[in-house]
Full PDB file with SEQRES, HELIX, SHEET, SSBOND, CRYST1, ORIGX, SCALE, CONECT and MASTER records, all heavy atoms in Angstrom:
SEQRES   1 A   29  ALA GLN ALA GLU LYS GLU LEU GLU SER MET GLY LEU GLY          
SEQRES   2 A   29  PHE GLU ILE CYS LEU LEU ASP ARG SER GLU ALA ALA ALA          
SEQRES   3 A   29  ASP ALA PHE                                                  
HELIX    1 AA1 GLN A    2  SER A    9  1                                   8    
HELIX    2 AA2 ALA A   25  ALA A   28  1                                   4    
CRYST1    1.000    1.000    1.000  90.00  90.00  90.00 P 1           1          
ORIGX1      1.000000  0.000000  0.000000        0.00000                         
ORIGX2      0.000000  1.000000  0.000000        0.00000                         
ORIGX3      0.000000  0.000000  1.000000        0.00000                         
SCALE1      1.000000  0.000000  0.000000        0.00000                         
SCALE2      0.000000  1.000000  0.000000        0.00000                         
SCALE3      0.000000  0.000000  1.000000        0.00000                         
ATOM      1  N   ALA A   1      -2.084  -8.656   3.028  1.00  0.00           N  
ATOM      2  CA  ALA A   1      -3.415  -9.076   3.488  1.00  0.00           C  
ATOM      3  C   ALA A   1      -3.481  -8.994   5.003  1.00  0.00           C  
ATOM      4  O   ALA A   1      -4.490  -8.523   5.577  1.00  0.00           O  
ATOM      5  CB  ALA A   1      -3.716 -10.506   3.016  1.00  0.00           C  
ATOM      6  N   GLN A   2      -2.422  -9.450   5.686  1.00  0.00           N  
ATOM      7  CA  GLN A   2      -2.357  -9.392   7.112  1.00  0.00           C  
ATOM      8  C   GLN A   2      -2.430  -7.943   7.601  1.00  0.00           C  
ATOM      9  O   GLN A   2      -3.168  -7.611   8.562  1.00  0.00           O  
ATOM     10  CB  GLN A   2      -1.094 -10.036   7.632  1.00  0.00           C  
ATOM     11  CG  GLN A   2      -0.833  -9.854   9.122  1.00  0.00           C  
ATOM     12  CD  GLN A   2       0.629 -10.117   9.500  1.00  0.00           C  
ATOM     13  OE1 GLN A   2       1.437 -10.522   8.681  1.00  0.00           O  
ATOM     14  NE2 GLN A   2       0.941  -9.870  10.757  1.00  0.00           N  
ATOM     15  N   ALA A   3      -1.682  -7.058   6.976  1.00  0.00           N  
ATOM     16  CA  ALA A   3      -1.644  -5.663   7.360  1.00  0.00           C  
ATOM     17  C   ALA A   3      -3.024  -5.018   7.192  1.00  0.00           C  
ATOM     18  O   ALA A   3      -3.464  -4.311   8.080  1.00  0.00           O  
ATOM     19  CB  ALA A   3      -0.605  -4.916   6.561  1.00  0.00           C  
ATOM     20  N   GLU A   4      -3.649  -5.296   6.090  1.00  0.00           N  
ATOM     21  CA  GLU A   4      -4.985  -4.718   5.868  1.00  0.00           C  
ATOM     22  C   GLU A   4      -5.969  -5.123   6.942  1.00  0.00           C  
ATOM     23  O   GLU A   4      -6.674  -4.282   7.524  1.00  0.00           O  
ATOM     24  CB  GLU A   4      -5.536  -5.165   4.488  1.00  0.00           C  
ATOM     25  CG  GLU A   4      -6.910  -4.570   4.191  1.00  0.00           C  
ATOM     26  CD  GLU A   4      -7.366  -4.882   2.788  1.00  0.00           C  
ATOM     27  OE1 GLU A   4      -6.986  -5.932   2.259  1.00  0.00           O  
ATOM     28  OE2 GLU A   4      -8.116  -4.057   2.274  1.00  0.00           O  
ATOM     29  N   LYS A   5      -5.956  -6.375   7.278  1.00  0.00           N  
ATOM     30  CA  LYS A   5      -6.883  -6.892   8.327  1.00  0.00           C  
ATOM     31  C   LYS A   5      -6.589  -6.242   9.696  1.00  0.00           C  
ATOM     32  O   LYS A   5      -7.511  -5.772  10.375  1.00  0.00           O  
ATOM     33  CB  LYS A   5      -6.747  -8.423   8.384  1.00  0.00           C  
ATOM     34  CG  LYS A   5      -7.672  -9.056   9.358  1.00  0.00           C  
ATOM     35  CD  LYS A   5      -7.481 -10.570   9.337  1.00  0.00           C  
ATOM     36  CE  LYS A   5      -8.369 -11.234  10.403  1.00  0.00           C  
ATOM     37  NZ  LYS A   5      -8.195 -12.692  10.419  1.00  0.00           N  
ATOM     38  N   GLU A   6      -5.347  -6.228  10.086  1.00  0.00           N  
ATOM     39  CA  GLU A   6      -4.996  -5.697  11.386  1.00  0.00           C  
ATOM     40  C   GLU A   6      -5.188  -4.183  11.472  1.00  0.00           C  
ATOM     41  O   GLU A   6      -5.667  -3.685  12.501  1.00  0.00           O  
ATOM     42  CB  GLU A   6      -3.521  -6.054  11.729  1.00  0.00           C  
ATOM     43  CG  GLU A   6      -3.344  -7.531  12.051  1.00  0.00           C  
ATOM     44  CD  GLU A   6      -1.934  -7.807  12.537  1.00  0.00           C  
ATOM     45  OE1 GLU A   6      -1.427  -7.085  13.435  1.00  0.00           O  
ATOM     46  OE2 GLU A   6      -1.348  -8.769  12.043  1.00  0.00           O  
ATOM     47  N   LEU A   7      -4.843  -3.468  10.414  1.00  0.00           N  
ATOM     48  CA  LEU A   7      -5.003  -1.994  10.438  1.00  0.00           C  
ATOM     49  C   LEU A   7      -6.492  -1.639  10.453  1.00  0.00           C  
ATOM     50  O   LEU A   7      -6.880  -0.693  11.153  1.00  0.00           O  
ATOM     51  CB  LEU A   7      -4.277  -1.360   9.260  1.00  0.00           C  
ATOM     52  CG  LEU A   7      -2.736  -1.453   9.367  1.00  0.00           C  
ATOM     53  CD1 LEU A   7      -2.102  -1.003   8.074  1.00  0.00           C  
ATOM     54  CD2 LEU A   7      -2.233  -0.631  10.567  1.00  0.00           C  
ATOM     55  N   GLU A   8      -7.308  -2.383   9.717  1.00  0.00           N  
ATOM     56  CA  GLU A   8      -8.751  -2.096   9.759  1.00  0.00           C  
ATOM     57  C   GLU A   8      -9.320  -2.367  11.135  1.00  0.00           C  
ATOM     58  O   GLU A   8     -10.176  -1.615  11.611  1.00  0.00           O  
ATOM     59  CB  GLU A   8      -9.462  -2.924   8.719  1.00  0.00           C  
ATOM     60  CG  GLU A   8      -9.218  -2.355   7.300  1.00  0.00           C  
ATOM     61  CD  GLU A   8      -9.920  -3.117   6.185  1.00  0.00           C  
ATOM     62  OE1 GLU A   8     -10.520  -4.164   6.459  1.00  0.00           O  
ATOM     63  OE2 GLU A   8      -9.841  -2.652   5.055  1.00  0.00           O  
ATOM     64  N   SER A   9      -8.771  -3.359  11.866  1.00  0.00           N  
ATOM     65  CA  SER A   9      -9.248  -3.585  13.234  1.00  0.00           C  
ATOM     66  C   SER A   9      -8.833  -2.463  14.156  1.00  0.00           C  
ATOM     67  O   SER A   9      -9.387  -2.284  15.227  1.00  0.00           O  
ATOM     68  CB  SER A   9      -8.727  -4.946  13.762  1.00  0.00           C  
ATOM     69  OG  SER A   9      -7.357  -4.869  14.098  1.00  0.00           O  
ATOM     70  N   MET A  10      -7.795  -1.696  13.758  1.00  0.00           N  
ATOM     71  CA  MET A  10      -7.358  -0.553  14.514  1.00  0.00           C  
ATOM     72  C   MET A  10      -8.084   0.738  14.117  1.00  0.00           C  
ATOM     73  O   MET A  10      -7.818   1.807  14.610  1.00  0.00           O  
ATOM     74  CB  MET A  10      -5.833  -0.332  14.317  1.00  0.00           C  
ATOM     75  CG  MET A  10      -4.959  -1.404  14.890  1.00  0.00           C  
ATOM     76  SD  MET A  10      -3.238  -1.320  14.342  1.00  0.00           S  
ATOM     77  CE  MET A  10      -2.728   0.356  14.848  1.00  0.00           C  
ATOM     78  N   GLY A  11      -9.009   0.588  13.166  1.00  0.00           N  
ATOM     79  CA  GLY A  11      -9.794   1.762  12.695  1.00  0.00           C  
ATOM     80  C   GLY A  11      -9.117   2.551  11.632  1.00  0.00           C  
ATOM     81  O   GLY A  11      -9.478   3.712  11.364  1.00  0.00           O  
ATOM     82  N   LEU A  12      -8.134   1.977  10.956  1.00  0.00           N  
ATOM     83  CA  LEU A  12      -7.385   2.640   9.928  1.00  0.00           C  
ATOM     84  C   LEU A  12      -7.727   2.020   8.565  1.00  0.00           C  
ATOM     85  O   LEU A  12      -7.837   0.819   8.424  1.00  0.00           O  
ATOM     86  CB  LEU A  12      -5.884   2.538  10.150  1.00  0.00           C  
ATOM     87  CG  LEU A  12      -5.356   3.243  11.383  1.00  0.00           C  
ATOM     88  CD1 LEU A  12      -3.945   2.772  11.715  1.00  0.00           C  
ATOM     89  CD2 LEU A  12      -5.385   4.759  11.183  1.00  0.00           C  
ATOM     90  N   GLY A  13      -7.830   2.892   7.557  1.00  0.00           N  
ATOM     91  CA  GLY A  13      -7.939   2.404   6.189  1.00  0.00           C  
ATOM     92  C   GLY A  13      -6.590   1.986   5.691  1.00  0.00           C  
ATOM     93  O   GLY A  13      -5.555   2.352   6.275  1.00  0.00           O  
ATOM     94  N   PHE A  14      -6.556   1.197   4.630  1.00  0.00           N  
ATOM     95  CA  PHE A  14      -5.289   0.677   4.124  1.00  0.00           C  
ATOM     96  C   PHE A  14      -5.307   0.701   2.606  1.00  0.00           C  
ATOM     97  O   PHE A  14      -6.232   0.188   1.988  1.00  0.00           O  
ATOM     98  CB  PHE A  14      -5.079  -0.779   4.625  1.00  0.00           C  
ATOM     99  CG  PHE A  14      -3.785  -1.364   4.232  1.00  0.00           C  
ATOM    100  CD1 PHE A  14      -2.592  -0.910   4.723  1.00  0.00           C  
ATOM    101  CD2 PHE A  14      -3.759  -2.463   3.378  1.00  0.00           C  
ATOM    102  CE1 PHE A  14      -1.363  -1.501   4.381  1.00  0.00           C  
ATOM    103  CE2 PHE A  14      -2.554  -3.072   2.992  1.00  0.00           C  
ATOM    104  CZ  PHE A  14      -1.369  -2.587   3.510  1.00  0.00           C  
ATOM    105  N   GLU A  15      -4.295   1.330   2.044  1.00  0.00           N  
ATOM    106  CA  GLU A  15      -4.155   1.353   0.587  1.00  0.00           C  
ATOM    107  C   GLU A  15      -2.728   0.926   0.244  1.00  0.00           C  
ATOM    108  O   GLU A  15      -1.824   1.083   1.067  1.00  0.00           O  
ATOM    109  CB  GLU A  15      -4.459   2.748   0.013  1.00  0.00           C  
ATOM    110  CG  GLU A  15      -5.923   3.114   0.190  1.00  0.00           C  
ATOM    111  CD  GLU A  15      -6.298   4.431  -0.418  1.00  0.00           C  
ATOM    112  OE1 GLU A  15      -5.552   4.951  -1.273  1.00  0.00           O  
ATOM    113  OE2 GLU A  15      -7.360   4.984  -0.010  1.00  0.00           O  
ATOM    114  N   ILE A  16      -2.550   0.476  -0.954  1.00  0.00           N  
ATOM    115  CA  ILE A  16      -1.288  -0.074  -1.385  1.00  0.00           C  
ATOM    116  C   ILE A  16      -0.861   0.646  -2.659  1.00  0.00           C  
ATOM    117  O   ILE A  16      -1.638   0.826  -3.576  1.00  0.00           O  
ATOM    118  CB  ILE A  16      -1.406  -1.595  -1.653  1.00  0.00           C  
ATOM    119  CG1 ILE A  16      -1.890  -2.306  -0.420  1.00  0.00           C  
ATOM    120  CG2 ILE A  16      -0.090  -2.175  -2.138  1.00  0.00           C  
ATOM    121  CD1 ILE A  16      -2.384  -3.717  -0.672  1.00  0.00           C  
ATOM    122  N   CYS A  17       0.434   0.986  -2.701  1.00  0.00           N  
ATOM    123  CA  CYS A  17       1.076   1.537  -3.913  1.00  0.00           C  
ATOM    124  C   CYS A  17       2.169   0.591  -4.294  1.00  0.00           C  
ATOM    125  O   CYS A  17       3.229   0.574  -3.650  1.00  0.00           O  
ATOM    126  CB  CYS A  17       1.602   2.918  -3.635  1.00  0.00           C  
ATOM    127  SG  CYS A  17       2.410   3.709  -5.050  1.00  0.00           S  
ATOM    128  N   LEU A  18       1.912  -0.247  -5.281  1.00  0.00           N  
ATOM    129  CA  LEU A  18       2.878  -1.237  -5.719  1.00  0.00           C  
ATOM    130  C   LEU A  18       3.777  -0.660  -6.790  1.00  0.00           C  
ATOM    131  O   LEU A  18       3.292  -0.050  -7.765  1.00  0.00           O  
ATOM    132  CB  LEU A  18       2.162  -2.486  -6.232  1.00  0.00           C  
ATOM    133  CG  LEU A  18       1.339  -3.234  -5.179  1.00  0.00           C  
ATOM    134  CD1 LEU A  18       0.588  -4.402  -5.782  1.00  0.00           C  
ATOM    135  CD2 LEU A  18       2.205  -3.671  -3.995  1.00  0.00           C  
ATOM    136  N   LEU A  19       5.062  -0.874  -6.654  1.00  0.00           N  
ATOM    137  CA  LEU A  19       6.031  -0.299  -7.563  1.00  0.00           C  
ATOM    138  C   LEU A  19       6.788  -1.414  -8.297  1.00  0.00           C  
ATOM    139  O   LEU A  19       7.051  -2.444  -7.730  1.00  0.00           O  
ATOM    140  CB  LEU A  19       7.036   0.540  -6.796  1.00  0.00           C  
ATOM    141  CG  LEU A  19       6.446   1.651  -5.887  1.00  0.00           C  
ATOM    142  CD1 LEU A  19       7.567   2.333  -5.092  1.00  0.00           C  
ATOM    143  CD2 LEU A  19       5.641   2.649  -6.714  1.00  0.00           C  
ATOM    144  N   ASP A  20       7.184  -1.107  -9.525  1.00  0.00           N  
ATOM    145  CA  ASP A  20       8.116  -1.986 -10.188  1.00  0.00           C  
ATOM    146  C   ASP A  20       9.507  -1.349 -10.101  1.00  0.00           C  
ATOM    147  O   ASP A  20       9.718  -0.433  -9.331  1.00  0.00           O  
ATOM    148  CB  ASP A  20       7.687  -2.224 -11.653  1.00  0.00           C  
ATOM    149  CG  ASP A  20       7.604  -0.919 -12.473  1.00  0.00           C  
ATOM    150  OD1 ASP A  20       8.219   0.089 -12.076  1.00  0.00           O  
ATOM    151  OD2 ASP A  20       6.930  -0.957 -13.532  1.00  0.00           O  
ATOM    152  N   ARG A  21      10.417  -1.860 -10.852  1.00  0.00           N  
ATOM    153  CA  ARG A  21      11.807  -1.347 -10.771  1.00  0.00           C  
ATOM    154  C   ARG A  21      12.119  -0.312 -11.872  1.00  0.00           C  
ATOM    155  O   ARG A  21      13.262   0.012 -12.080  1.00  0.00           O  
ATOM    156  CB  ARG A  21      12.789  -2.500 -10.880  1.00  0.00           C  
ATOM    157  CG  ARG A  21      12.659  -3.479  -9.727  1.00  0.00           C  
ATOM    158  CD  ARG A  21      13.506  -4.693  -9.952  1.00  0.00           C  
ATOM    159  NE  ARG A  21      13.362  -5.699  -8.894  1.00  0.00           N  
ATOM    160  CZ  ARG A  21      14.105  -5.782  -7.821  1.00  0.00           C  
ATOM    161  NH1 ARG A  21      15.077  -4.945  -7.639  1.00  0.00           N  
ATOM    162  NH2 ARG A  21      13.890  -6.698  -6.910  1.00  0.00           N  
ATOM    163  N   SER A  22      11.082   0.185 -12.522  1.00  0.00           N  
ATOM    164  CA  SER A  22      11.312   1.092 -13.643  1.00  0.00           C  
ATOM    165  C   SER A  22      11.424   2.574 -13.172  1.00  0.00           C  
ATOM    166  O   SER A  22      11.167   2.892 -12.000  1.00  0.00           O  
ATOM    167  CB  SER A  22      10.125   0.997 -14.631  1.00  0.00           C  
ATOM    168  OG  SER A  22       8.982   1.668 -14.115  1.00  0.00           O  
ATOM    169  N   GLU A  23      11.744   3.435 -14.113  1.00  0.00           N  
ATOM    170  CA  GLU A  23      11.817   4.837 -13.813  1.00  0.00           C  
ATOM    171  C   GLU A  23      10.446   5.405 -13.448  1.00  0.00           C  
ATOM    172  O   GLU A  23      10.385   6.441 -12.792  1.00  0.00           O  
ATOM    173  CB  GLU A  23      12.407   5.602 -15.005  1.00  0.00           C  
ATOM    174  CG  GLU A  23      13.865   5.329 -15.266  1.00  0.00           C  
ATOM    175  CD  GLU A  23      14.755   5.863 -14.145  1.00  0.00           C  
ATOM    176  OE1 GLU A  23      14.520   6.963 -13.637  1.00  0.00           O  
ATOM    177  OE2 GLU A  23      15.707   5.119 -13.786  1.00  0.00           O  
ATOM    178  N   ALA A  24       9.394   4.742 -13.882  1.00  0.00           N  
ATOM    179  CA  ALA A  24       8.026   5.223 -13.606  1.00  0.00           C  
ATOM    180  C   ALA A  24       7.575   4.956 -12.183  1.00  0.00           C  
ATOM    181  O   ALA A  24       6.526   5.475 -11.763  1.00  0.00           O  
ATOM    182  CB  ALA A  24       7.035   4.568 -14.596  1.00  0.00           C  
ATOM    183  N   ALA A  25       8.329   4.236 -11.402  1.00  0.00           N  
ATOM    184  CA  ALA A  25       7.911   3.892 -10.034  1.00  0.00           C  
ATOM    185  C   ALA A  25       7.724   5.112  -9.181  1.00  0.00           C  
ATOM    186  O   ALA A  25       6.722   5.227  -8.473  1.00  0.00           O  
ATOM    187  CB  ALA A  25       8.956   2.953  -9.397  1.00  0.00           C  
ATOM    188  N   ALA A  26       8.619   6.061  -9.261  1.00  0.00           N  
ATOM    189  CA  ALA A  26       8.468   7.266  -8.466  1.00  0.00           C  
ATOM    190  C   ALA A  26       7.236   8.066  -8.873  1.00  0.00           C  
ATOM    191  O   ALA A  26       6.548   8.653  -8.055  1.00  0.00           O  
ATOM    192  CB  ALA A  26       9.716   8.160  -8.596  1.00  0.00           C  
ATOM    193  N   ASP A  27       6.926   8.075 -10.159  1.00  0.00           N  
ATOM    194  CA  ASP A  27       5.726   8.751 -10.659  1.00  0.00           C  
ATOM    195  C   ASP A  27       4.452   8.118 -10.089  1.00  0.00           C  
ATOM    196  O   ASP A  27       3.502   8.809  -9.777  1.00  0.00           O  
ATOM    197  CB  ASP A  27       5.690   8.763 -12.180  1.00  0.00           C  
ATOM    198  CG  ASP A  27       6.784   9.623 -12.753  1.00  0.00           C  
ATOM    199  OD1 ASP A  27       7.275  10.570 -12.104  1.00  0.00           O  
ATOM    200  OD2 ASP A  27       7.229   9.299 -13.900  1.00  0.00           O  
ATOM    201  N   ALA A  28       4.436   6.788 -10.001  1.00  0.00           N  
ATOM    202  CA  ALA A  28       3.288   6.107  -9.410  1.00  0.00           C  
ATOM    203  C   ALA A  28       3.085   6.518  -7.970  1.00  0.00           C  
ATOM    204  O   ALA A  28       1.938   6.765  -7.547  1.00  0.00           O  
ATOM    205  CB  ALA A  28       3.457   4.584  -9.534  1.00  0.00           C  
ATOM    206  N   PHE A  29       4.133   6.615  -7.225  1.00  0.00           N  
ATOM    207  CA  PHE A  29       4.034   7.070  -5.839  1.00  0.00           C  
ATOM    208  C   PHE A  29       3.586   8.527  -5.744  1.00  0.00           C  
ATOM    209  O   PHE A  29       2.732   8.894  -4.948  1.00  0.00           O  
ATOM    210  CB  PHE A  29       5.389   6.889  -5.093  1.00  0.00           C  
ATOM    211  CG  PHE A  29       5.385   7.403  -3.709  1.00  0.00           C  
ATOM    212  CD1 PHE A  29       4.614   6.776  -2.723  1.00  0.00           C  
ATOM    213  CD2 PHE A  29       6.153   8.485  -3.350  1.00  0.00           C  
ATOM    214  CE1 PHE A  29       4.601   7.234  -1.415  1.00  0.00           C  
ATOM    215  CE2 PHE A  29       6.150   8.949  -2.036  1.00  0.00           C  
ATOM    216  CZ  PHE A  29       5.391   8.323  -1.072  1.00  0.00           C  
TER     217      PHE A  29                                                      
MASTER        0    0    0    2    0    0    0    6  216    1    0    3          
END                                                                             
């Protein structure tokens, strides 16, 4: 939440790719 707020104030968009510990994590990225 902090990163999103600060990066938006810098004029940057912010997206998140959350991973679990499974083999599918690399596929999500």
